[in-house]
Amino acid sequence: MGLFGQPRLIKMAKKRERLEVIRDILKATKEKRNIKPTRLLYASNLSPQMFKEYVDELVEKKFINIDVVSDKKTFSLTKKGFEFLNEYKVLERFVESFGL
């Protein structure tokens, strides 16, 4: 409810949770196969500093690979990254089944 007991008409933008950010990075990597760092940064909608922190963690935990060909860096999804996205879909369906 807004001021004076009236219904609120404007919905505030929700801050993405950590797992949603990870999902977004992995989905962009999956969709583009070998995605360049700048494209992935734009797709993730993060600051460069936050992007680096997330990507470093995802590489360290083997969700994505860094591939270098002719001095050009790209990212690709690993089997573990694919498995995460599949399980995340299951979780989303579960939550939606309860209307949340």
Protein backbone atom coordinates (compact mmCIF):
# COMPACT_ATOMS: atom_id res chain seq x y z
CA MET A 1 0.00 0.00 0.00
CA GLY A 2 1.14 3.47 -0.82
CA LEU A 3 0.53 6.66 1.07
CA PHE A 4 -2.94 7.14 2.50
CA GLY A 5 -3.82 3.46 2.07
CA GLN A 6 -3.95 3.58 -1.72
CA PRO A 7 -2.55 0.65 -3.69
CA ARG A 8 0.95 1.12 -4.99
CA LEU A 9 0.99 1.37 -8.78
CA ILE A 10 4.73 1.48 -9.38
CA LYS A 11 6.72 -1.65 -8.72
CA MET A 12 10.31 -1.04 -7.67
CA ALA A 13 13.02 -2.78 -9.68
CA LYS A 14 14.27 -5.80 -7.79
CA LYS A 15 17.97 -6.24 -7.20
CA ARG A 16 19.20 -9.48 -8.71
CA GLU A 17 20.23 -12.17 -6.30
CA ARG A 18 23.66 -13.80 -6.59
CA LEU A 19 22.28 -16.98 -8.20
CA GLU A 20 20.33 -14.94 -10.76
CA VAL A 21 23.52 -13.12 -11.77
CA ILE A 22 25.33 -16.45 -12.12
CA ARG A 23 22.43 -17.84 -14.15
CA ASP A 24 22.49 -14.79 -16.44
CA ILE A 25 26.25 -15.11 -17.06
CA LEU A 26 25.97 -18.84 -17.76
CA LYS A 27 22.92 -18.39 -20.04
CA ALA A 28 24.72 -15.73 -22.10
CA THR A 29 27.76 -17.99 -22.35
CA LYS A 30 25.59 -20.93 -23.42
CA GLU A 31 23.64 -18.92 -26.03
CA LYS A 32 26.72 -17.45 -27.71
CA ARG A 33 28.95 -20.52 -27.29
CA ASN A 34 32.30 -18.72 -27.49
CA ILE A 35 31.44 -15.27 -26.20
CA LYS A 36 33.95 -12.45 -26.00
CA PRO A 37 34.57 -10.78 -22.62
CA THR A 38 33.03 -7.43 -23.60
CA ARG A 39 29.86 -9.08 -24.94
CA LEU A 40 29.55 -11.14 -21.77
CA LEU A 41 30.07 -8.03 -19.64
CA TYR A 42 27.22 -6.27 -21.46
CA ALA A 43 24.97 -9.34 -21.22
CA SER A 44 25.64 -9.68 -17.49
CA ASN A 45 24.65 -6.06 -16.81
CA LEU A 46 27.31 -5.75 -14.10
CA SER A 47 30.04 -3.23 -13.39
CA PRO A 48 33.42 -4.32 -14.74
CA GLN A 49 34.68 -4.97 -11.21
CA MET A 50 31.70 -7.14 -10.23
CA PHE A 51 31.86 -8.91 -13.60
CA LYS A 52 35.51 -9.83 -13.01
CA GLU A 53 34.71 -11.20 -9.54
CA TYR A 54 31.88 -13.38 -10.84
CA VAL A 55 33.82 -14.61 -13.88
CA ASP A 56 36.91 -15.40 -11.81
CA GLU A 57 34.76 -17.48 -9.44
CA LEU A 58 32.97 -19.27 -12.28
CA VAL A 59 36.28 -20.13 -13.95
CA GLU A 60 37.81 -21.25 -10.65
CA LYS A 61 34.80 -23.49 -9.92
CA LYS A 62 34.85 -24.80 -13.52
CA PHE A 63 31.45 -23.51 -14.67
CA ILE A 64 33.05 -21.70 -17.61
CA ASN A 65 36.34 -21.98 -19.51
CA ILE A 66 38.57 -19.24 -20.81
CA ASP A 67 39.65 -20.08 -24.35
CA VAL A 68 42.49 -18.18 -26.05
CA VAL A 69 42.93 -18.47 -29.82
CA SER A 70 45.22 -16.10 -31.71
CA ASP A 71 45.45 -13.80 -28.67
CA LYS A 72 41.64 -13.50 -28.53
CA LYS A 73 39.92 -14.52 -25.33
CA THR A 74 36.46 -16.08 -25.27
CA PHE A 75 34.39 -17.88 -22.66
CA SER A 76 32.63 -21.21 -23.10
CA LEU A 77 30.32 -23.21 -20.87
CA THR A 78 31.58 -26.41 -19.26
CA LYS A 79 29.56 -29.53 -18.55
CA LYS A 80 29.23 -28.33 -14.95
CA GLY A 81 27.85 -25.00 -16.22
CA PHE A 82 25.25 -26.81 -18.35
CA GLU A 83 24.27 -28.94 -15.35
CA PHE A 84 23.84 -25.83 -13.18
CA LEU A 85 21.51 -24.23 -15.76
CA ASN A 86 19.43 -27.42 -16.01
CA GLU A 87 19.06 -27.68 -12.24
CA TYR A 88 18.27 -23.97 -11.99
CA LYS A 89 15.37 -24.48 -14.42
CA VAL A 90 14.05 -27.28 -12.19
CA LEU A 91 14.24 -24.95 -9.19
CA GLU A 92 12.44 -22.15 -11.08
CA ARG A 93 9.62 -24.50 -12.08
CA PHE A 94 9.31 -25.72 -8.48
CA VAL A 95 9.02 -22.17 -7.12
CA GLU A 96 6.54 -21.17 -9.85
CA SER A 97 4.38 -24.22 -9.07
CA PHE A 98 3.70 -22.62 -5.68
CA GLY A 99 2.85 -19.29 -7.26
CA LEU A 100 5.94 -17.52 -5.96
